[in-house]
Amino acid sequence: MAAPIGQPRVRLPAQIKAGEVIEIRTLISHIMETGQRRNQEGQIIPRDIIKSFTCTFEGQPVFSMDLHPAISANPYIAFPFKAERAGNLEMVWTNDAGEQRKLTQAVRLAE
């Protein structure tokens, strides 16, 4: 049975100016089981990782990545983004079982 995907957290700068390149930082709680360990009975614990992450801005792809068993538990992902205008970022984490956790974060520009 796959472990539930935890609640994601996203951090953006407090002040964002139009045209500025910012760093988007994400963290999600997940055990990221590699499928190589054994339980107390000697049975292999099935692989259970977050296998992909995608981010779109107003429906347009911004960043995506595939994750592999070598990624640590509770993966931290940071990437740059050029904030041209205000809008919504949608981030999606998908695990091996196909379950998804989505989070929408508003990008607001300073006046």
N, C-alpha and C. Protein backbone atom coordinates (compact mmCIF):
# COMPACT_ATOMS: atom_id res chain seq x y z
N MET A 1 0.84 -1.18 0.00
CA MET A 1 0.00 0.00 0.00
C MET A 1 0.88 1.25 0.00
N ALA A 2 0.58 2.18 -0.86
CA ALA A 2 1.37 3.40 -0.97
C ALA A 2 1.11 4.31 0.22
N ALA A 3 2.18 4.96 0.65
CA ALA A 3 2.04 5.94 1.73
C ALA A 3 1.35 7.18 1.16
N PRO A 4 0.51 7.81 1.94
CA PRO A 4 -0.15 9.02 1.44
C PRO A 4 0.86 10.13 1.18
N ILE A 5 0.56 10.90 0.16
CA ILE A 5 1.40 12.07 -0.12
C ILE A 5 1.05 13.14 0.89
N GLY A 6 2.05 13.69 1.53
CA GLY A 6 1.82 14.71 2.56
C GLY A 6 1.43 16.05 1.98
N GLN A 7 1.22 16.98 2.87
CA GLN A 7 0.83 18.33 2.47
C GLN A 7 2.05 19.08 1.93
N PRO A 8 1.97 19.59 0.70
CA PRO A 8 3.10 20.35 0.16
C PRO A 8 3.16 21.76 0.73
N ARG A 9 4.37 22.29 0.71
CA ARG A 9 4.58 23.68 1.12
C ARG A 9 5.34 24.39 0.00
N VAL A 10 4.96 25.63 -0.26
CA VAL A 10 5.59 26.43 -1.31
C VAL A 10 5.95 27.79 -0.74
N ARG A 11 7.12 28.26 -1.09
CA ARG A 11 7.54 29.57 -0.61
C ARG A 11 7.97 30.43 -1.80
N LEU A 12 7.38 31.62 -1.86
CA LEU A 12 7.74 32.64 -2.85
C LEU A 12 8.26 33.85 -2.09
N PRO A 13 9.04 34.70 -2.75
CA PRO A 13 9.48 35.93 -2.09
C PRO A 13 8.29 36.80 -1.68
N ALA A 14 8.46 37.56 -0.63
CA ALA A 14 7.38 38.43 -0.14
C ALA A 14 7.06 39.54 -1.15
N GLN A 15 8.06 40.08 -1.80
CA GLN A 15 7.88 41.15 -2.79
C GLN A 15 8.40 40.65 -4.13
N ILE A 16 7.56 40.72 -5.16
CA ILE A 16 7.94 40.30 -6.50
C ILE A 16 7.67 41.45 -7.46
N LYS A 17 8.69 41.83 -8.22
CA LYS A 17 8.54 42.90 -9.21
C LYS A 17 8.37 42.28 -10.60
N ALA A 18 7.63 42.94 -11.47
CA ALA A 18 7.43 42.45 -12.83
C ALA A 18 8.78 42.31 -13.53
N GLY A 19 8.99 41.17 -14.18
CA GLY A 19 10.24 40.91 -14.88
C GLY A 19 11.34 40.33 -14.02
N GLU A 20 11.12 40.24 -12.74
CA GLU A 20 12.13 39.72 -11.82
C GLU A 20 12.19 38.19 -11.87
N VAL A 21 13.40 37.64 -11.80
CA VAL A 21 13.57 36.20 -11.71
C VAL A 21 13.59 35.85 -10.22
N ILE A 22 12.66 35.01 -9.82
CA ILE A 22 12.54 34.61 -8.42
C ILE A 22 12.85 33.12 -8.27
N GLU A 23 13.06 32.69 -7.06
CA GLU A 23 13.23 31.28 -6.78
C GLU A 23 11.97 30.76 -6.11
N ILE A 24 11.40 29.71 -6.68
CA ILE A 24 10.25 29.04 -6.10
C ILE A 24 10.79 27.84 -5.34
N ARG A 25 10.42 27.73 -4.07
CA ARG A 25 10.90 26.63 -3.24
C ARG A 25 9.72 25.80 -2.77
N THR A 26 9.85 24.48 -2.95
CA THR A 26 8.78 23.57 -2.56
C THR A 26 9.33 22.47 -1.66
N LEU A 27 8.48 21.97 -0.80
CA LEU A 27 8.82 20.85 0.07
C LEU A 27 7.55 20.03 0.26
N ILE A 28 7.67 18.71 0.14
CA ILE A 28 6.51 17.85 0.34
C ILE A 28 6.91 16.67 1.22
N SER A 29 6.03 16.29 2.12
CA SER A 29 6.29 15.17 3.02
C SER A 29 5.97 13.85 2.32
N HIS A 30 6.96 12.98 2.23
CA HIS A 30 6.77 11.66 1.65
C HIS A 30 7.96 10.78 2.01
N ILE A 31 7.71 9.50 2.30
CA ILE A 31 8.80 8.63 2.76
C ILE A 31 9.78 8.24 1.67
N MET A 32 9.37 8.23 0.41
CA MET A 32 10.24 7.90 -0.72
C MET A 32 10.92 6.54 -0.51
N GLU A 33 10.12 5.49 -0.39
CA GLU A 33 10.64 4.12 -0.21
C GLU A 33 11.24 3.62 -1.53
N THR A 34 12.49 3.18 -1.51
CA THR A 34 13.23 2.82 -2.72
C THR A 34 12.86 1.47 -3.32
N GLY A 35 12.26 0.57 -2.55
CA GLY A 35 11.96 -0.76 -3.04
C GLY A 35 13.13 -1.72 -2.87
N GLN A 36 14.16 -1.29 -2.14
CA GLN A 36 15.35 -2.12 -1.93
C GLN A 36 15.50 -2.59 -0.49
N ARG A 37 14.70 -2.05 0.40
CA ARG A 37 14.78 -2.46 1.81
C ARG A 37 13.83 -3.62 2.08
N ARG A 38 14.07 -4.29 3.18
CA ARG A 38 13.21 -5.40 3.59
C ARG A 38 12.59 -5.09 4.95
N ASN A 39 11.40 -5.64 5.18
CA ASN A 39 10.73 -5.45 6.47
C ASN A 39 11.25 -6.50 7.46
N GLN A 40 10.68 -6.54 8.65
CA GLN A 40 11.14 -7.46 9.70
C GLN A 40 10.95 -8.93 9.33
N GLU A 41 10.02 -9.21 8.44
CA GLU A 41 9.78 -10.58 7.99
C GLU A 41 10.68 -10.97 6.82
N GLY A 42 11.51 -10.05 6.35
CA GLY A 42 12.41 -10.32 5.24
C GLY A 42 11.81 -10.06 3.86
N GLN A 43 10.60 -9.54 3.81
CA GLN A 43 9.95 -9.26 2.53
C GLN A 43 10.37 -7.87 2.04
N ILE A 44 10.51 -7.74 0.73
CA ILE A 44 10.89 -6.45 0.15
C ILE A 44 9.74 -5.46 0.32
N ILE A 45 10.07 -4.29 0.80
CA ILE A 45 9.09 -3.21 0.93
C ILE A 45 8.93 -2.61 -0.47
N PRO A 46 7.72 -2.58 -1.03
CA PRO A 46 7.53 -2.10 -2.40
C PRO A 46 7.98 -0.64 -2.57
N ARG A 47 8.47 -0.35 -3.75
CA ARG A 47 8.88 1.00 -4.09
C ARG A 47 7.67 1.93 -3.98
N ASP A 48 7.88 3.09 -3.40
CA ASP A 48 6.83 4.08 -3.22
C ASP A 48 7.49 5.45 -3.18
N ILE A 49 7.61 6.07 -4.35
CA ILE A 49 8.25 7.38 -4.41
C ILE A 49 7.34 8.36 -5.14
N ILE A 50 7.60 9.63 -4.94
CA ILE A 50 6.99 10.65 -5.79
C ILE A 50 7.82 10.61 -7.06
N LYS A 51 7.19 10.25 -8.17
CA LYS A 51 7.96 10.03 -9.39
C LYS A 51 8.02 11.24 -10.31
N SER A 52 7.13 12.22 -10.11
CA SER A 52 7.20 13.40 -10.98
C SER A 52 6.67 14.64 -10.27
N PHE A 53 7.16 15.77 -10.74
CA PHE A 53 6.72 17.08 -10.25
C PHE A 53 6.58 17.98 -11.47
N THR A 54 5.47 18.70 -11.55
CA THR A 54 5.29 19.66 -12.63
C THR A 54 4.75 20.97 -12.07
N CYS A 55 5.11 22.05 -12.74
CA CYS A 55 4.61 23.37 -12.35
C CYS A 55 4.20 24.10 -13.62
N THR A 56 3.00 24.66 -13.60
CA THR A 56 2.52 25.47 -14.71
C THR A 56 2.14 26.85 -14.19
N PHE A 57 2.21 27.85 -15.06
CA PHE A 57 1.77 29.20 -14.74
C PHE A 57 0.69 29.55 -15.73
N GLU A 58 -0.52 29.73 -15.23
CA GLU A 58 -1.68 30.03 -16.08
C GLU A 58 -1.78 29.02 -17.23
N GLY A 59 -1.53 27.73 -16.92
CA GLY A 59 -1.67 26.67 -17.91
C GLY A 59 -0.44 26.41 -18.77
N GLN A 60 0.55 27.27 -18.69
CA GLN A 60 1.77 27.11 -19.48
C GLN A 60 2.85 26.42 -18.64
N PRO A 61 3.53 25.38 -19.19
CA PRO A 61 4.56 24.69 -18.41
C PRO A 61 5.71 25.63 -18.03
N VAL A 62 6.14 25.52 -16.79
CA VAL A 62 7.23 26.34 -16.27
C VAL A 62 8.42 25.45 -15.91
N PHE A 63 8.13 24.33 -15.25
CA PHE A 63 9.18 23.45 -14.76
C PHE A 63 8.60 22.06 -14.54
N SER A 64 9.38 21.03 -14.88
CA SER A 64 8.97 19.66 -14.56
C SER A 64 10.22 18.82 -14.33
N MET A 65 10.05 17.76 -13.56
CA MET A 65 11.17 16.86 -13.32
C MET A 65 10.65 15.48 -12.95
N ASP A 66 11.45 14.48 -13.30
CA ASP A 66 11.18 13.11 -12.87
C ASP A 66 12.07 12.83 -11.68
N LEU A 67 11.52 12.20 -10.66
CA LEU A 67 12.29 11.85 -9.48
C LEU A 67 12.56 10.35 -9.49
N HIS A 68 13.65 9.94 -8.87
CA HIS A 68 14.07 8.55 -8.85
C HIS A 68 14.34 8.12 -7.42
N PRO A 69 14.51 6.81 -7.17
CA PRO A 69 14.68 6.33 -5.80
C PRO A 69 15.83 6.96 -5.02
N ALA A 70 16.81 7.52 -5.68
CA ALA A 70 17.94 8.14 -4.98
C ALA A 70 17.57 9.46 -4.30
N ILE A 71 16.41 10.02 -4.60
CA ILE A 71 15.97 11.27 -3.98
C ILE A 71 15.59 10.99 -2.52
N SER A 72 15.97 11.88 -1.64
CA SER A 72 15.70 11.68 -0.22
C SER A 72 14.22 11.80 0.11
N ALA A 73 13.87 11.34 1.29
CA ALA A 73 12.51 11.51 1.80
C ALA A 73 12.22 13.01 1.89
N ASN A 74 10.95 13.36 1.81
CA ASN A 74 10.52 14.75 1.91
C ASN A 74 11.25 15.63 0.91
N PRO A 75 11.09 15.36 -0.39
CA PRO A 75 11.89 16.07 -1.39
C PRO A 75 11.66 17.58 -1.40
N TYR A 76 12.78 18.28 -1.47
CA TYR A 76 12.83 19.75 -1.58
C TYR A 76 13.18 20.06 -3.03
N ILE A 77 12.38 20.88 -3.67
CA ILE A 77 12.62 21.26 -5.06
C ILE A 77 12.61 22.77 -5.14
N ALA A 78 13.64 23.34 -5.75
CA ALA A 78 13.72 24.79 -5.95
C ALA A 78 14.06 25.05 -7.41
N PHE A 79 13.44 26.06 -7.99
CA PHE A 79 13.70 26.38 -9.39
C PHE A 79 13.41 27.86 -9.65
N PRO A 80 14.06 28.44 -10.69
CA PRO A 80 13.83 29.85 -10.99
C PRO A 80 12.56 30.04 -11.82
N PHE A 81 12.01 31.23 -11.71
CA PHE A 81 10.81 31.59 -12.47
C PHE A 81 10.84 33.09 -12.72
N LYS A 82 10.63 33.49 -13.97
CA LYS A 82 10.58 34.91 -14.30
C LYS A 82 9.14 35.38 -14.21
N ALA A 83 8.88 36.26 -13.27
CA ALA A 83 7.53 36.74 -13.00
C ALA A 83 7.22 37.94 -13.89
N GLU A 84 6.63 37.67 -15.04
CA GLU A 84 6.27 38.74 -15.98
C GLU A 84 4.98 39.45 -15.58
N ARG A 85 4.07 38.67 -15.00
CA ARG A 85 2.75 39.21 -14.66
C ARG A 85 2.17 38.41 -13.50
N ALA A 86 1.11 38.94 -12.91
CA ALA A 86 0.43 38.22 -11.83
C ALA A 86 -0.35 37.05 -12.42
N GLY A 87 -0.55 36.03 -11.62
CA GLY A 87 -1.30 34.85 -12.06
C GLY A 87 -1.15 33.74 -11.05
N ASN A 88 -1.53 32.54 -11.46
CA ASN A 88 -1.49 31.38 -10.56
C ASN A 88 -0.51 30.33 -11.05
N LEU A 89 0.30 29.85 -10.12
CA LEU A 89 1.15 28.70 -10.35
C LEU A 89 0.40 27.47 -9.87
N GLU A 90 0.40 26.40 -10.66
CA GLU A 90 -0.17 25.14 -10.20
C GLU A 90 0.94 24.11 -10.17
N MET A 91 1.14 23.49 -9.01
CA MET A 91 2.16 22.47 -8.84
C MET A 91 1.50 21.13 -8.58
N VAL A 92 2.04 20.07 -9.20
CA VAL A 92 1.47 18.73 -9.07
C VAL A 92 2.59 17.74 -8.78
N TRP A 93 2.44 17.00 -7.69
CA TRP A 93 3.34 15.91 -7.32
C TRP A 93 2.59 14.61 -7.57
N THR A 94 3.22 13.63 -8.25
CA THR A 94 2.57 12.36 -8.57
C THR A 94 3.42 11.21 -8.04
N ASN A 95 2.80 10.25 -7.34
CA ASN A 95 3.57 9.12 -6.81
C ASN A 95 3.44 7.90 -7.73
N ASP A 96 4.12 6.80 -7.35
CA ASP A 96 4.11 5.58 -8.15
C ASP A 96 2.72 5.02 -8.37
N ALA A 97 1.83 5.20 -7.41
CA ALA A 97 0.46 4.68 -7.52
C ALA A 97 -0.43 5.57 -8.39
N GLY A 98 0.11 6.69 -8.88
CA GLY A 98 -0.68 7.60 -9.71
C GLY A 98 -1.45 8.63 -8.91
N GLU A 99 -1.32 8.60 -7.59
CA GLU A 99 -2.00 9.59 -6.76
C GLU A 99 -1.30 10.93 -6.92
N GLN A 100 -2.08 11.99 -6.85
CA GLN A 100 -1.52 13.33 -7.02
C GLN A 100 -1.87 14.23 -5.86
N ARG A 101 -0.98 15.16 -5.62
CA ARG A 101 -1.25 16.25 -4.67
C ARG A 101 -1.02 17.52 -5.47
N LYS A 102 -2.03 18.39 -5.48
CA LYS A 102 -1.96 19.64 -6.23
C LYS A 102 -1.99 20.82 -5.28
N LEU A 103 -1.30 21.87 -5.68
CA LEU A 103 -1.31 23.09 -4.88
C LEU A 103 -1.28 24.27 -5.85
N THR A 104 -2.13 25.24 -5.63
CA THR A 104 -2.15 26.46 -6.45
C THR A 104 -1.65 27.60 -5.58
N GLN A 105 -0.72 28.36 -6.14
CA GLN A 105 -0.13 29.49 -5.41
C GLN A 105 -0.24 30.74 -6.28
N ALA A 106 -0.80 31.79 -5.73
CA ALA A 106 -0.95 33.05 -6.47
C ALA A 106 0.38 33.79 -6.51
N VAL A 107 0.72 34.32 -7.67
CA VAL A 107 1.87 35.21 -7.84
C VAL A 107 1.30 36.61 -7.91
N ARG A 108 1.66 37.41 -6.92
CA ARG A 108 1.19 38.81 -6.88
C ARG A 108 2.38 39.72 -7.05
N LEU A 109 2.25 40.70 -7.91
CA LEU A 109 3.36 41.63 -8.16
C LEU A 109 3.22 42.86 -7.26
N ALA A 110 4.38 43.34 -6.81
CA ALA A 110 4.41 44.55 -6.01
C ALA A 110 4.10 45.75 -6.90
N GLU A 111 3.45 46.72 -6.32
CA GLU A 111 3.10 47.91 -7.10
C GLU A 111 4.15 48.98 -6.98
